[in-house]
Amino acid sequence: MSAVNFVEVIGQRIEISCMSEHDLLEVVEIEESCGLSRWGWEAYHSELAQGDSGLMLVARDLDALSNAEEHRVAGFIASRYSVDELHVNNVAVRPKFRRQGIGAALIKAVLQAAASRKARRALLEVRASNLAAQALYARCGFCVIGRRKNYYREPPEDALIMALTF
């Protein structure tokens, strides 16, 4: 899977494409700035090495590429496809790019890729307090199907399980 999608986002040109090893420093930086449960460079690198089972995408700021700006990755999604199910592990968008449709574009792109592989459903966990993420997932077609008590460690918190059926 090469370039998956191209979206114009409020005056910025964004390309959704496969994550590469060259993106990992920025991916980890975004992960840390967004307060996600820590994966770190090694975990993302390991997922990339899994080959076809990992669906790892980034949203690249094409304007930053042409202007040689420091930050080129606006956001990312890390997910895994297994048998007939997609599990979304992490979705994050750099703070200056939030509320512009990039998160939704990343989710839609990974759902399209999973659908093309004949996925029957997609699952994810989200912090019970993260209402913005829950709203985003709901707009993309996910609904709450359960709760995992004390799923998150730092800080301790329940996770809501959300699913989408293809």
C-alpha atoms as a PDB file:
ATOM      1  CA  MET A   1       0.000   0.000   0.000  1.00  0.00           C
ATOM      2  CA  SER A   2       1.628   3.274  -1.071  1.00  0.00           C
ATOM      3  CA  ALA A   3      -0.115   6.645  -0.907  1.00  0.00           C
ATOM      4  CA  VAL A   4      -3.581   5.874   0.362  1.00  0.00           C
ATOM      5  CA  ASN A   5      -5.351   9.179   0.252  1.00  0.00           C
ATOM      6  CA  PHE A   6      -4.851  12.872  -0.322  1.00  0.00           C
ATOM      7  CA  VAL A   7      -6.923  15.470   1.523  1.00  0.00           C
ATOM      8  CA  GLU A   8      -6.951  19.239   1.500  1.00  0.00           C
ATOM      9  CA  VAL A   9      -7.228  20.349   5.123  1.00  0.00           C
ATOM     10  CA  ILE A  10      -7.899  24.033   5.771  1.00  0.00           C
ATOM     11  CA  GLY A  11      -5.254  25.337   3.415  1.00  0.00           C
ATOM     12  CA  GLN A  12      -2.841  22.476   4.013  1.00  0.00           C
ATOM     13  CA  ARG A  13      -2.134  19.570   1.720  1.00  0.00           C
ATOM     14  CA  ILE A  14      -2.104  16.270   3.608  1.00  0.00           C
ATOM     15  CA  GLU A  15      -1.183  12.863   2.194  1.00  0.00           C
ATOM     16  CA  ILE A  16      -2.104   9.662   4.012  1.00  0.00           C
ATOM     17  CA  SER A  17       0.475   6.977   3.293  1.00  0.00           C
ATOM     18  CA  CYS A  18       2.188   3.987   4.860  1.00  0.00           C
ATOM     19  CA  MET A  19       4.347   4.666   7.877  1.00  0.00           C
ATOM     20  CA  SER A  20       8.045   4.020   7.378  1.00  0.00           C
ATOM     21  CA  GLU A  21      10.968   3.657   9.725  1.00  0.00           C
ATOM     22  CA  HIS A  22      11.924   7.241   8.803  1.00  0.00           C
ATOM     23  CA  ASP A  23       8.680   8.483  10.400  1.00  0.00           C
ATOM     24  CA  LEU A  24       9.197   6.844  13.785  1.00  0.00           C
ATOM     25  CA  LEU A  25      10.954   9.693  15.610  1.00  0.00           C
ATOM     26  CA  GLU A  26       8.081  12.024  14.760  1.00  0.00           C
ATOM     27  CA  VAL A  27       5.486   9.341  15.555  1.00  0.00           C
ATOM     28  CA  VAL A  28       6.986   8.878  19.034  1.00  0.00           C
ATOM     29  CA  GLU A  29       7.161  12.656  19.496  1.00  0.00           C
ATOM     30  CA  ILE A  30       3.452  12.938  18.637  1.00  0.00           C
ATOM     31  CA  GLU A  31       2.638   9.989  20.913  1.00  0.00           C
ATOM     32  CA  GLU A  32       4.399  11.720  23.821  1.00  0.00           C
ATOM     33  CA  SER A  33       2.769  15.103  23.158  1.00  0.00           C
ATOM     34  CA  CYS A  34      -0.702  13.546  23.068  1.00  0.00           C
ATOM     35  CA  GLY A  35      -0.495  11.587  26.314  1.00  0.00           C
ATOM     36  CA  LEU A  36      -1.053   8.198  24.704  1.00  0.00           C
ATOM     37  CA  SER A  37      -0.063   5.043  26.522  1.00  0.00           C
ATOM     38  CA  ARG A  38       3.616   4.753  25.712  1.00  0.00           C
ATOM     39  CA  TRP A  39       4.691   2.422  22.950  1.00  0.00           C
ATOM     40  CA  GLY A  40       7.980   4.032  22.037  1.00  0.00           C
ATOM     41  CA  TRP A  41      10.228   3.642  19.017  1.00  0.00           C
ATOM     42  CA  GLU A  42      10.930  -0.089  19.468  1.00  0.00           C
ATOM     43  CA  ALA A  43       7.247  -1.079  19.599  1.00  0.00           C
ATOM     44  CA  TYR A  44       6.385   0.901  16.454  1.00  0.00           C
ATOM     45  CA  HIS A  45       9.455  -0.470  14.699  1.00  0.00           C
ATOM     46  CA  SER A  46       8.443  -4.006  15.663  1.00  0.00           C
ATOM     47  CA  GLU A  47       4.928  -3.440  14.289  1.00  0.00           C
ATOM     48  CA  LEU A  48       6.360  -2.167  11.012  1.00  0.00           C
ATOM     49  CA  ALA A  49       8.508  -5.306  10.786  1.00  0.00           C
ATOM     50  CA  GLN A  50       5.390  -7.505  11.032  1.00  0.00           C
ATOM     51  CA  GLY A  51       4.679  -6.880   7.360  1.00  0.00           C
ATOM     52  CA  ASP A  52       1.128  -7.099   6.081  1.00  0.00           C
ATOM     53  CA  SER A  53      -0.579  -7.624   9.448  1.00  0.00           C
ATOM     54  CA  GLY A  54       0.290  -4.115  10.609  1.00  0.00           C
ATOM     55  CA  LEU A  55      -1.671  -1.263   9.087  1.00  0.00           C
ATOM     56  CA  MET A  56       0.447   1.726  10.055  1.00  0.00           C
ATOM     57  CA  LEU A  57      -0.326   5.026   8.341  1.00  0.00           C
ATOM     58  CA  VAL A  58       0.849   8.612   8.663  1.00  0.00           C
ATOM     59  CA  ALA A  59      -0.631  11.916   7.571  1.00  0.00           C
ATOM     60  CA  ARG A  60       2.162  13.902   5.931  1.00  0.00           C
ATOM     61  CA  ASP A  61       2.045  17.668   5.708  1.00  0.00           C
ATOM     62  CA  LEU A  62       3.043  18.157   2.068  1.00  0.00           C
ATOM     63  CA  ASP A  63       3.492  21.899   2.613  1.00  0.00           C
ATOM     64  CA  ALA A  64       6.121  21.172   5.285  1.00  0.00           C
ATOM     65  CA  LEU A  65       7.893  18.839   2.850  1.00  0.00           C
ATOM     66  CA  SER A  66       8.145  21.563   0.228  1.00  0.00           C
ATOM     67  CA  ASN A  67       9.182  24.212   2.789  1.00  0.00           C
ATOM     68  CA  ALA A  68      11.765  21.966   4.525  1.00  0.00           C
ATOM     69  CA  GLU A  69       9.999  22.437   7.874  1.00  0.00           C
ATOM     70  CA  GLU A  70      11.021  20.354  10.853  1.00  0.00           C
ATOM     71  CA  HIS A  71       7.699  18.537  11.399  1.00  0.00           C
ATOM     72  CA  ARG A  72       6.417  16.599   8.412  1.00  0.00           C
ATOM     73  CA  VAL A  73       4.157  14.051  10.124  1.00  0.00           C
ATOM     74  CA  ALA A  74       0.868  15.643  11.176  1.00  0.00           C
ATOM     75  CA  GLY A  75      -0.610  12.457  12.650  1.00  0.00           C
ATOM     76  CA  PHE A  76      -0.586   8.681  12.589  1.00  0.00           C
ATOM     77  CA  ILE A  77      -2.626   5.546  13.138  1.00  0.00           C
ATOM     78  CA  ALA A  78      -1.225   2.224  14.320  1.00  0.00           C
ATOM     79  CA  SER A  79      -3.427  -0.816  13.810  1.00  0.00           C
ATOM     80  CA  ARG A  80      -3.182  -4.534  13.213  1.00  0.00           C
ATOM     81  CA  TYR A  81      -5.201  -6.786  10.928  1.00  0.00           C
ATOM     82  CA  SER A  82      -5.653 -10.397  12.007  1.00  0.00           C
ATOM     83  CA  VAL A  83      -7.893 -13.064  10.460  1.00  0.00           C
ATOM     84  CA  ASP A  84     -10.980 -10.926   9.759  1.00  0.00           C
ATOM     85  CA  GLU A  85     -10.604  -8.172  12.354  1.00  0.00           C
ATOM     86  CA  LEU A  86      -8.866  -4.815  12.568  1.00  0.00           C
ATOM     87  CA  HIS A  87      -7.622  -3.650  15.958  1.00  0.00           C
ATOM     88  CA  VAL A  88      -6.839   0.057  16.177  1.00  0.00           C
ATOM     89  CA  ASN A  89      -4.071   0.558  18.733  1.00  0.00           C
ATOM     90  CA  ASN A  90      -3.183   4.253  18.546  1.00  0.00           C
ATOM     91  CA  VAL A  91      -4.421   7.322  16.703  1.00  0.00           C
ATOM     92  CA  ALA A  92      -2.858  10.721  17.309  1.00  0.00           C
ATOM     93  CA  VAL A  93      -2.661  14.086  15.591  1.00  0.00           C
ATOM     94  CA  ARG A  94      -0.078  16.753  16.334  1.00  0.00           C
ATOM     95  CA  PRO A  95      -1.790  19.508  18.403  1.00  0.00           C
ATOM     96  CA  LYS A  96      -1.480  22.226  15.721  1.00  0.00           C
ATOM     97  CA  PHE A  97      -3.316  19.962  13.210  1.00  0.00           C
ATOM     98  CA  ARG A  98      -6.217  18.929  15.433  1.00  0.00           C
ATOM     99  CA  ARG A  99      -9.883  19.583  14.596  1.00  0.00           C
ATOM    100  CA  GLN A 100      -9.124  19.735  10.876  1.00  0.00           C
ATOM    101  CA  GLY A 101     -10.266  16.267   9.803  1.00  0.00           C
ATOM    102  CA  ILE A 102      -6.887  14.519   9.855  1.00  0.00           C
ATOM    103  CA  GLY A 103      -7.834  12.000  12.552  1.00  0.00           C
ATOM    104  CA  ALA A 104     -11.002  11.076  10.669  1.00  0.00           C
ATOM    105  CA  ALA A 105      -9.056  10.785   7.401  1.00  0.00           C
ATOM    106  CA  LEU A 106      -6.550   8.407   9.044  1.00  0.00           C
ATOM    107  CA  ILE A 107      -9.333   6.260  10.505  1.00  0.00           C
ATOM    108  CA  LYS A 108     -11.244   6.135   7.218  1.00  0.00           C
ATOM    109  CA  ALA A 109      -8.074   5.186   5.321  1.00  0.00           C
ATOM    110  CA  VAL A 110      -7.257   2.297   7.670  1.00  0.00           C
ATOM    111  CA  LEU A 111     -10.897   1.126   7.601  1.00  0.00           C
ATOM    112  CA  GLN A 112     -10.801   1.110   3.785  1.00  0.00           C
ATOM    113  CA  ALA A 113      -7.584  -0.909   3.828  1.00  0.00           C
ATOM    114  CA  ALA A 114      -9.111  -3.404   6.286  1.00  0.00           C
ATOM    115  CA  ALA A 115     -12.314  -3.663   4.256  1.00  0.00           C
ATOM    116  CA  SER A 116     -10.274  -4.482   1.158  1.00  0.00           C
ATOM    117  CA  ARG A 117      -8.780  -7.375   3.136  1.00  0.00           C
ATOM    118  CA  LYS A 118     -12.296  -8.611   3.966  1.00  0.00           C
ATOM    119  CA  ALA A 119     -12.354  -7.467   7.603  1.00  0.00           C
ATOM    120  CA  ARG A 120     -15.648  -8.158   9.338  1.00  0.00           C
ATOM    121  CA  ARG A 121     -15.186  -5.682  12.175  1.00  0.00           C
ATOM    122  CA  ALA A 122     -12.853  -3.151  13.739  1.00  0.00           C
ATOM    123  CA  LEU A 123     -12.200  -2.757  17.461  1.00  0.00           C
ATOM    124  CA  LEU A 124     -10.464  -0.203  19.648  1.00  0.00           C
ATOM    125  CA  GLU A 125     -10.149   0.880  23.255  1.00  0.00           C
ATOM    126  CA  VAL A 126     -10.428   4.500  24.318  1.00  0.00           C
ATOM    127  CA  ARG A 127     -10.065   6.175  27.698  1.00  0.00           C
ATOM    128  CA  ALA A 128     -13.457   6.604  29.352  1.00  0.00           C
ATOM    129  CA  SER A 129     -12.627  10.289  29.937  1.00  0.00           C
ATOM    130  CA  ASN A 130     -11.546  11.006  26.341  1.00  0.00           C
ATOM    131  CA  LEU A 131     -14.828  12.401  25.059  1.00  0.00           C
ATOM    132  CA  ALA A 132     -13.247  14.045  21.999  1.00  0.00           C
ATOM    133  CA  ALA A 133     -11.800  10.741  20.775  1.00  0.00           C
ATOM    134  CA  GLN A 134     -15.063   8.924  21.500  1.00  0.00           C
ATOM    135  CA  ALA A 135     -16.945  11.511  19.423  1.00  0.00           C
ATOM    136  CA  LEU A 136     -14.457  11.124  16.558  1.00  0.00           C
ATOM    137  CA  TYR A 137     -14.790   7.340  16.601  1.00  0.00           C
ATOM    138  CA  ALA A 138     -18.589   7.602  16.707  1.00  0.00           C
ATOM    139  CA  ARG A 139     -18.527   9.919  13.661  1.00  0.00           C
ATOM    140  CA  CYS A 140     -16.460   7.247  11.880  1.00  0.00           C
ATOM    141  CA  GLY A 141     -19.078   4.574  12.647  1.00  0.00           C
ATOM    142  CA  PHE A 142     -17.844   3.010  15.913  1.00  0.00           C
ATOM    143  CA  CYS A 143     -20.163   2.360  18.852  1.00  0.00           C
ATOM    144  CA  VAL A 144     -19.480   1.388  22.472  1.00  0.00           C
ATOM    145  CA  ILE A 145     -19.850  -2.358  23.101  1.00  0.00           C
ATOM    146  CA  GLY A 146     -18.180  -2.761  26.490  1.00  0.00           C
ATOM    147  CA  ARG A 147     -15.839  -1.521  29.174  1.00  0.00           C
ATOM    148  CA  ARG A 148     -12.464  -2.761  30.461  1.00  0.00           C
ATOM    149  CA  LYS A 149     -11.924  -1.876  34.123  1.00  0.00           C
ATOM    150  CA  ASN A 150      -8.553  -0.289  34.944  1.00  0.00           C
ATOM    151  CA  TYR A 151      -7.271  -0.946  31.413  1.00  0.00           C
ATOM    152  CA  TYR A 152      -4.953   2.067  31.379  1.00  0.00           C
ATOM    153  CA  ARG A 153      -2.088   2.428  33.852  1.00  0.00           C
ATOM    154  CA  GLU A 154      -0.799   6.016  33.656  1.00  0.00           C
ATOM    155  CA  PRO A 155      -3.085   7.335  35.004  1.00  0.00           C
ATOM    156  CA  PRO A 156      -5.307   4.385  35.946  1.00  0.00           C
ATOM    157  CA  GLU A 157      -8.579   4.506  34.044  1.00  0.00           C
ATOM    158  CA  ASP A 158     -11.231   2.345  32.441  1.00  0.00           C
ATOM    159  CA  ALA A 159     -11.346   1.862  28.692  1.00  0.00           C
ATOM    160  CA  LEU A 160     -14.460   1.814  26.585  1.00  0.00           C
ATOM    161  CA  ILE A 161     -14.427  -0.851  23.885  1.00  0.00           C
ATOM    162  CA  MET A 162     -15.755   0.472  20.604  1.00  0.00           C
ATOM    163  CA  ALA A 163     -16.529  -1.569  17.510  1.00  0.00           C
ATOM    164  CA  LEU A 164     -17.544  -1.070  13.920  1.00  0.00           C
ATOM    165  CA  THR A 165     -19.026  -3.841  11.804  1.00  0.00           C
ATOM    166  CA  PHE A 166     -18.203  -3.796   8.092  1.00  0.00           C
END
